[in-house]
């Protein structure tokens, strides 16, 4: 399981490698370059699933096991 993901800001294109929480979904992320507050796209559980190059740990685990994702319900 990968615990880091490179987030790409859809507004300015800034990229940053970020550690993903394993016990909750991260619902907000502020771009260090332009200051935009990123939120998940419709249907995604967190900013990593929307803007990262690696999905969040709950999604990775579900993909590996073939189960339906049981994403965390407590956003950070």
PDB file of N, CA and C in Angstrom:
ATOM      1  N   UNK A   1       0.849  -1.175   0.000  1.00  0.00           N
ATOM      2  CA  UNK A   1       0.000   0.000   0.000  1.00  0.00           C
ATOM      3  C   UNK A   1       0.895   1.239   0.000  1.00  0.00           C
ATOM      4  N   UNK A   2       0.547   2.184  -0.855  1.00  0.00           N
ATOM      5  CA  UNK A   2       1.289   3.436  -0.912  1.00  0.00           C
ATOM      6  C   UNK A   2       0.634   4.454   0.013  1.00  0.00           C
ATOM      7  N   UNK A   3       1.444   5.173   0.767  1.00  0.00           N
ATOM      8  CA  UNK A   3       0.913   6.139   1.730  1.00  0.00           C
ATOM      9  C   UNK A   3       1.218   7.579   1.353  1.00  0.00           C
ATOM     10  N   UNK A   4       1.855   7.793   0.201  1.00  0.00           N
ATOM     11  CA  UNK A   4       2.106   9.139  -0.309  1.00  0.00           C
ATOM     12  C   UNK A   4       1.477   9.257  -1.684  1.00  0.00           C
ATOM     13  N   UNK A   5       0.995  10.449  -1.979  1.00  0.00           N
ATOM     14  CA  UNK A   5       0.383  10.717  -3.272  1.00  0.00           C
ATOM     15  C   UNK A   5       0.800  12.119  -3.707  1.00  0.00           C
ATOM     16  N   UNK A   6       0.998  12.310  -4.995  1.00  0.00           N
ATOM     17  CA  UNK A   6       1.315  13.632  -5.515  1.00  0.00           C
ATOM     18  C   UNK A   6       0.010  14.307  -5.921  1.00  0.00           C
ATOM     19  N   UNK A   7      -0.328  15.369  -5.194  1.00  0.00           N
ATOM     20  CA  UNK A   7      -1.528  16.138  -5.502  1.00  0.00           C
ATOM     21  C   UNK A   7      -1.189  17.209  -6.531  1.00  0.00           C
ATOM     22  N   UNK A   8      -2.058  17.379  -7.515  1.00  0.00           N
ATOM     23  CA  UNK A   8      -1.895  18.414  -8.529  1.00  0.00           C
ATOM     24  C   UNK A   8      -3.072  19.368  -8.441  1.00  0.00           C
ATOM     25  N   UNK A   9      -2.782  20.631  -8.187  1.00  0.00           N
ATOM     26  CA  UNK A   9      -3.835  21.640  -8.084  1.00  0.00           C
ATOM     27  C   UNK A   9      -4.458  21.866  -9.463  1.00  0.00           C
ATOM     28  N   UNK A  10      -5.779  21.762  -9.559  1.00  0.00           N
ATOM     29  CA  UNK A  10      -6.433  21.967 -10.855  1.00  0.00           C
ATOM     30  C   UNK A  10      -6.468  23.435 -11.276  1.00  0.00           C
ATOM     31  N   UNK A  11      -6.162  24.339 -10.360  1.00  0.00           N
ATOM     32  CA  UNK A  11      -6.220  25.769 -10.664  1.00  0.00           C
ATOM     33  C   UNK A  11      -4.894  26.303 -11.198  1.00  0.00           C
ATOM     34  N   UNK A  12      -3.779  25.882 -10.586  1.00  0.00           N
ATOM     35  CA  UNK A  12      -2.484  26.440 -10.985  1.00  0.00           C
ATOM     36  C   UNK A  12      -1.488  25.387 -11.458  1.00  0.00           C
ATOM     37  N   UNK A  13      -1.802  24.097 -11.262  1.00  0.00           N
ATOM     38  CA  UNK A  13      -0.915  23.028 -11.702  1.00  0.00           C
ATOM     39  C   UNK A  13       0.196  22.688 -10.728  1.00  0.00           C
ATOM     40  N   UNK A  14       0.247  23.362  -9.567  1.00  0.00           N
ATOM     41  CA  UNK A  14       1.275  23.069  -8.565  1.00  0.00           C
ATOM     42  C   UNK A  14       1.148  21.625  -8.100  1.00  0.00           C
ATOM     43  N   UNK A  15       2.290  20.961  -7.960  1.00  0.00           N
ATOM     44  CA  UNK A  15       2.311  19.565  -7.519  1.00  0.00           C
ATOM     45  C   UNK A  15       3.063  19.463  -6.199  1.00  0.00           C
ATOM     46  N   UNK A  16       2.533  18.642  -5.284  1.00  0.00           N
ATOM     47  CA  UNK A  16       3.216  18.405  -4.016  1.00  0.00           C
ATOM     48  C   UNK A  16       2.953  16.977  -3.558  1.00  0.00           C
ATOM     49  N   UNK A  17       3.999  16.360  -3.019  1.00  0.00           N
ATOM     50  CA  UNK A  17       3.879  15.004  -2.481  1.00  0.00           C
ATOM     51  C   UNK A  17       3.376  15.125  -1.050  1.00  0.00           C
ATOM     52  N   UNK A  18       2.281  14.439  -0.765  1.00  0.00           N
ATOM     53  CA  UNK A  18       1.640  14.522   0.549  1.00  0.00           C
ATOM     54  C   UNK A  18       1.420  13.132   1.128  1.00  0.00           C
ATOM     55  N   UNK A  19       1.547  13.038   2.449  1.00  0.00           N
ATOM     56  CA  UNK A  19       1.246  11.795   3.159  1.00  0.00           C
ATOM     57  C   UNK A  19      -0.266  11.689   3.327  1.00  0.00           C
ATOM     58  N   UNK A  20      -0.794  10.508   3.042  1.00  0.00           N
ATOM     59  CA  UNK A  20      -2.238  10.297   3.169  1.00  0.00           C
ATOM     60  C   UNK A  20      -2.567   9.718   4.537  1.00  0.00           C
ATOM     61  N   UNK A  21      -3.626  10.213   5.180  1.00  0.00           N
ATOM     62  CA  UNK A  21      -4.039   9.615   6.446  1.00  0.00           C
ATOM     63  C   UNK A  21      -4.594   8.210   6.189  1.00  0.00           C
ATOM     64  N   UNK A  22      -4.367   7.319   7.123  1.00  0.00           N
ATOM     65  CA  UNK A  22      -4.873   5.960   6.972  1.00  0.00           C
ATOM     66  C   UNK A  22      -6.160   5.730   7.749  1.00  0.00           C
ATOM     67  N   UNK A  23      -6.532   6.679   8.610  1.00  0.00           N
ATOM     68  CA  UNK A  23      -7.692   6.471   9.473  1.00  0.00           C
ATOM     69  C   UNK A  23      -8.862   7.411   9.178  1.00  0.00           C
ATOM     70  N   UNK A  24      -8.744   8.232   8.131  1.00  0.00           N
ATOM     71  CA  UNK A  24      -9.820   9.158   7.783  1.00  0.00           C
ATOM     72  C   UNK A  24      -9.600   9.668   6.368  1.00  0.00           C
ATOM     73  N   UNK A  25     -10.663  10.158   5.760  1.00  0.00           N
ATOM     74  CA  UNK A  25     -10.550  10.762   4.433  1.00  0.00           C
ATOM     75  C   UNK A  25     -10.236  12.246   4.589  1.00  0.00           C
ATOM     76  N   UNK A  26      -9.359  12.755   3.747  1.00  0.00           N
ATOM     77  CA  UNK A  26      -9.014  14.169   3.799  1.00  0.00           C
ATOM     78  C   UNK A  26      -9.896  14.909   2.806  1.00  0.00           C
ATOM     79  N   UNK A  27     -10.804  15.689   3.340  1.00  0.00           N
ATOM     80  CA  UNK A  27     -11.805  16.346   2.521  1.00  0.00           C
ATOM     81  C   UNK A  27     -11.335  17.688   1.968  1.00  0.00           C
ATOM     82  N   UNK A  28     -10.407  18.353   2.662  1.00  0.00           N
ATOM     83  CA  UNK A  28      -9.901  19.653   2.232  1.00  0.00           C
ATOM     84  C   UNK A  28      -8.388  19.623   2.104  1.00  0.00           C
ATOM     85  N   UNK A  29      -7.864  20.421   1.167  1.00  0.00           N
ATOM     86  CA  UNK A  29      -6.422  20.605   1.035  1.00  0.00           C
ATOM     87  C   UNK A  29      -6.191  21.977   0.434  1.00  0.00           C
ATOM     88  N   UNK A  30      -5.320  22.764   1.068  1.00  0.00           N
ATOM     89  CA  UNK A  30      -5.007  24.094   0.558  1.00  0.00           C
ATOM     90  C   UNK A  30      -3.735  24.040  -0.272  1.00  0.00           C
ATOM     91  N   UNK A  31      -3.815  24.498  -1.505  1.00  0.00           N
ATOM     92  CA  UNK A  31      -2.660  24.527  -2.405  1.00  0.00           C
ATOM     93  C   UNK A  31      -1.620  25.492  -1.837  1.00  0.00           C
ATOM     94  N   UNK A  32      -0.383  25.028  -1.727  1.00  0.00           N
ATOM     95  CA  UNK A  32       0.692  25.859  -1.189  1.00  0.00           C
ATOM     96  C   UNK A  32       1.095  26.969  -2.142  1.00  0.00           C
ATOM     97  N   UNK A  33       0.752  26.851  -3.422  1.00  0.00           N
ATOM     98  CA  UNK A  33       1.162  27.850  -4.411  1.00  0.00           C
ATOM     99  C   UNK A  33       0.116  28.957  -4.575  1.00  0.00           C
ATOM    100  N   UNK A  34      -1.120  28.574  -4.909  1.00  0.00           N
ATOM    101  CA  UNK A  34      -2.138  29.599  -5.200  1.00  0.00           C
ATOM    102  C   UNK A  34      -3.140  29.804  -4.060  1.00  0.00           C
ATOM    103  N   UNK A  35      -3.112  28.924  -3.048  1.00  0.00           N
ATOM    104  CA  UNK A  35      -4.006  29.075  -1.904  1.00  0.00           C
ATOM    105  C   UNK A  35      -5.412  28.553  -2.109  1.00  0.00           C
ATOM    106  N   UNK A  36      -5.689  27.955  -3.265  1.00  0.00           N
ATOM    107  CA  UNK A  36      -7.024  27.400  -3.514  1.00  0.00           C
ATOM    108  C   UNK A  36      -7.323  26.279  -2.529  1.00  0.00           C
ATOM    109  N   UNK A  37      -8.549  26.233  -2.061  1.00  0.00           N
ATOM    110  CA  UNK A  37      -8.976  25.168  -1.171  1.00  0.00           C
ATOM    111  C   UNK A  37      -9.591  24.064  -2.022  1.00  0.00           C
ATOM    112  N   UNK A  38      -8.910  22.939  -2.098  1.00  0.00           N
ATOM    113  CA  UNK A  38      -9.386  21.818  -2.902  1.00  0.00           C
ATOM    114  C   UNK A  38     -10.366  20.982  -2.101  1.00  0.00           C
ATOM    115  N   UNK A  39     -11.419  20.546  -2.776  1.00  0.00           N
ATOM    116  CA  UNK A  39     -12.417  19.636  -2.215  1.00  0.00           C
ATOM    117  C   UNK A  39     -12.568  18.480  -3.191  1.00  0.00           C
ATOM    118  N   UNK A  40     -13.007  17.316  -2.729  1.00  0.00           N
ATOM    119  CA  UNK A  40     -13.183  16.184  -3.654  1.00  0.00           C
ATOM    120  C   UNK A  40     -14.191  16.495  -4.754  1.00  0.00           C
ATOM    121  N   UNK A  41     -13.961  15.917  -5.913  1.00  0.00           N
ATOM    122  CA  UNK A  41     -14.927  16.007  -7.006  1.00  0.00           C
ATOM    123  C   UNK A  41     -16.140  15.160  -6.636  1.00  0.00           C
ATOM    124  N   UNK A  42     -17.266  15.432  -7.248  1.00  0.00           N
ATOM    125  CA  UNK A  42     -18.493  14.674  -6.990  1.00  0.00           C
ATOM    126  C   UNK A  42     -18.227  13.181  -7.195  1.00  0.00           C
ATOM    127  N   UNK A  43     -18.602  12.381  -6.214  1.00  0.00           N
ATOM    128  CA  UNK A  43     -18.431  10.938  -6.300  1.00  0.00           C
ATOM    129  C   UNK A  43     -17.133  10.420  -5.714  1.00  0.00           C
ATOM    130  N   UNK A  44     -16.188  11.312  -5.411  1.00  0.00           N
ATOM    131  CA  UNK A  44     -14.924  10.905  -4.786  1.00  0.00           C
ATOM    132  C   UNK A  44     -15.004  11.128  -3.286  1.00  0.00           C
ATOM    133  N   UNK A  45     -14.257  10.308  -2.537  1.00  0.00           N
ATOM    134  CA  UNK A  45     -14.327  10.400  -1.079  1.00  0.00           C
ATOM    135  C   UNK A  45     -13.353  11.413  -0.493  1.00  0.00           C
ATOM    136  N   UNK A  46     -12.293  11.764  -1.242  1.00  0.00           N
ATOM    137  CA  UNK A  46     -11.292  12.656  -0.666  1.00  0.00           C
ATOM    138  C   UNK A  46     -10.488  13.355  -1.766  1.00  0.00           C
ATOM    139  N   UNK A  47      -9.659  14.314  -1.359  1.00  0.00           N
ATOM    140  CA  UNK A  47      -8.852  15.061  -2.331  1.00  0.00           C
ATOM    141  C   UNK A  47      -7.819  14.184  -3.026  1.00  0.00           C
ATOM    142  N   UNK A  48      -7.361  13.116  -2.365  1.00  0.00           N
ATOM    143  CA  UNK A  48      -6.376  12.229  -2.987  1.00  0.00           C
ATOM    144  C   UNK A  48      -6.993  11.442  -4.139  1.00  0.00           C
ATOM    145  N   UNK A  49      -8.234  11.050  -3.986  1.00  0.00           N
ATOM    146  CA  UNK A  49      -8.919  10.324  -5.070  1.00  0.00           C
ATOM    147  C   UNK A  49      -9.235  11.253  -6.239  1.00  0.00           C
ATOM    148  N   UNK A  50      -9.406  12.543  -5.971  1.00  0.00           N
ATOM    149  CA  UNK A  50      -9.728  13.500  -7.027  1.00  0.00           C
ATOM    150  C   UNK A  50      -8.496  14.090  -7.712  1.00  0.00           C
ATOM    151  N   UNK A  51      -7.459  14.407  -6.938  1.00  0.00           N
ATOM    152  CA  UNK A  51      -6.335  15.171  -7.487  1.00  0.00           C
ATOM    153  C   UNK A  51      -4.979  14.495  -7.317  1.00  0.00           C
ATOM    154  N   UNK A  52      -4.961  13.305  -6.724  1.00  0.00           N
ATOM    155  CA  UNK A  52      -3.697  12.621  -6.494  1.00  0.00           C
ATOM    156  C   UNK A  52      -3.378  11.587  -7.557  1.00  0.00           C
ATOM    157  N   UNK A  53      -2.113  11.192  -7.603  1.00  0.00           N
ATOM    158  CA  UNK A  53      -1.712  10.145  -8.547  1.00  0.00           C
ATOM    159  C   UNK A  53      -1.863   8.754  -7.945  1.00  0.00           C
ATOM    160  N   UNK A  54      -2.203   8.702  -6.648  1.00  0.00           N
ATOM    161  CA  UNK A  54      -2.453   7.438  -5.944  1.00  0.00           C
ATOM    162  C   UNK A  54      -3.737   7.632  -5.139  1.00  0.00           C
ATOM    163  N   UNK A  55      -4.706   6.719  -5.233  1.00  0.00           N
ATOM    164  CA  UNK A  55      -5.932   6.872  -4.437  1.00  0.00           C
ATOM    165  C   UNK A  55      -5.656   6.656  -2.950  1.00  0.00           C
ATOM    166  N   UNK A  56      -6.580   7.066  -2.118  1.00  0.00           N
ATOM    167  CA  UNK A  56      -6.421   6.956  -0.663  1.00  0.00           C
ATOM    168  C   UNK A  56      -6.327   5.496  -0.215  1.00  0.00           C
ATOM    169  N   UNK A  57      -5.756   5.257   0.986  1.00  0.00           N
ATOM    170  CA  UNK A  57      -5.585   3.887   1.476  1.00  0.00           C
ATOM    171  C   UNK A  57      -6.856   3.036   1.500  1.00  0.00           C
ATOM    172  N   UNK A  58      -8.030   3.555   1.922  1.00  0.00           N
ATOM    173  CA  UNK A  58      -9.225   2.696   1.889  1.00  0.00           C
ATOM    174  C   UNK A  58      -9.580   2.225   0.474  1.00  0.00           C
ATOM    175  N   UNK A  59      -9.395   3.078  -0.522  1.00  0.00           N
ATOM    176  CA  UNK A  59      -9.684   2.703  -1.909  1.00  0.00           C
ATOM    177  C   UNK A  59      -8.644   1.692  -2.395  1.00  0.00           C
ATOM    178  N   UNK A  60      -7.375   1.911  -2.066  1.00  0.00           N
ATOM    179  CA  UNK A  60      -6.330   0.954  -2.446  1.00  0.00           C
ATOM    180  C   UNK A  60      -6.628  -0.426  -1.868  1.00  0.00           C
ATOM    181  N   UNK A  61      -7.020  -0.445  -0.585  1.00  0.00           N
ATOM    182  CA  UNK A  61      -7.318  -1.712   0.084  1.00  0.00           C
ATOM    183  C   UNK A  61      -8.495  -2.413  -0.586  1.00  0.00           C
ATOM    184  N   UNK A  62      -9.523  -1.662  -0.921  1.00  0.00           N
ATOM    185  CA  UNK A  62     -10.699  -2.245  -1.585  1.00  0.00           C
ATOM    186  C   UNK A  62     -10.329  -2.793  -2.954  1.00  0.00           C
ATOM    187  N   UNK A  63      -9.484  -2.069  -3.697  1.00  0.00           N
ATOM    188  CA  UNK A  63      -9.063  -2.531  -5.016  1.00  0.00           C
ATOM    189  C   UNK A  63      -8.271  -3.831  -4.912  1.00  0.00           C
ATOM    190  N   UNK A  64      -7.397  -3.917  -3.908  1.00  0.00           N
ATOM    191  CA  UNK A  64      -6.575  -5.115  -3.723  1.00  0.00           C
ATOM    192  C   UNK A  64      -7.405  -6.323  -3.318  1.00  0.00           C
ATOM    193  N   UNK A  65      -8.448  -6.101  -2.522  1.00  0.00           N
ATOM    194  CA  UNK A  65      -9.245  -7.210  -2.007  1.00  0.00           C
ATOM    195  C   UNK A  65     -10.451  -7.536  -2.884  1.00  0.00           C
ATOM    196  N   UNK A  66     -10.787  -6.631  -3.803  1.00  0.00           N
ATOM    197  CA  UNK A  66     -11.951  -6.844  -4.651  1.00  0.00           C
ATOM    198  C   UNK A  66     -13.263  -6.503  -3.972  1.00  0.00           C
ATOM    199  N   UNK A  67     -13.191  -5.879  -2.802  1.00  0.00           N
ATOM    200  CA  UNK A  67     -14.409  -5.487  -2.067  1.00  0.00           C
ATOM    201  C   UNK A  67     -14.860  -4.088  -2.443  1.00  0.00           C
ATOM    202  N   UNK A  68     -16.056  -3.765  -2.036  1.00  0.00           N
ATOM    203  CA  UNK A  68     -16.565  -2.413  -2.196  1.00  0.00           C
ATOM    204  C   UNK A  68     -15.826  -1.516  -1.204  1.00  0.00           C
ATOM    205  N   UNK A  69     -15.388  -0.342  -1.639  1.00  0.00           N
ATOM    206  CA  UNK A  69     -14.653   0.538  -0.739  1.00  0.00           C
ATOM    207  C   UNK A  69     -15.481   0.911   0.481  1.00  0.00           C
ATOM    208  N   UNK A  70     -14.875   0.842   1.637  1.00  0.00           N
ATOM    209  CA  UNK A  70     -15.497   1.270   2.886  1.00  0.00           C
ATOM    210  C   UNK A  70     -14.743   2.488   3.369  1.00  0.00           C
ATOM    211  N   UNK A  71     -14.900   3.577   2.631  1.00  0.00           N
ATOM    212  CA  UNK A  71     -14.161   4.785   2.952  1.00  0.00           C
ATOM    213  C   UNK A  71     -14.552   5.308   4.326  1.00  0.00           C
ATOM    214  N   UNK A  72     -13.616   5.975   4.906  1.00  0.00           N
ATOM    215  CA  UNK A  72     -13.824   6.550   6.229  1.00  0.00           C
ATOM    216  C   UNK A  72     -14.932   7.584   6.171  1.00  0.00           C
ATOM    217  N   UNK A  73     -15.673   7.691   7.236  1.00  0.00           N
ATOM    218  CA  UNK A  73     -16.780   8.642   7.262  1.00  0.00           C
ATOM    219  C   UNK A  73     -16.408   9.934   7.969  1.00  0.00           C
ATOM    220  N   UNK A  74     -15.243   9.983   8.604  1.00  0.00           N
ATOM    221  CA  UNK A  74     -14.833  11.181   9.323  1.00  0.00           C
ATOM    222  C   UNK A  74     -13.829  11.969   8.501  1.00  0.00           C
ATOM    223  N   UNK A  75     -14.291  13.018   7.772  1.00  0.00           N
ATOM    224  CA  UNK A  75     -13.351  13.801   6.969  1.00  0.00           C
ATOM    225  C   UNK A  75     -12.405  14.605   7.822  1.00  0.00           C
ATOM    226  N   UNK A  76     -11.183  14.802   7.332  1.00  0.00           N
ATOM    227  CA  UNK A  76     -10.201  15.640   8.023  1.00  0.00           C
ATOM    228  C   UNK A  76     -10.267  17.048   7.487  1.00  0.00           C
TER     229      UNK A  76
END
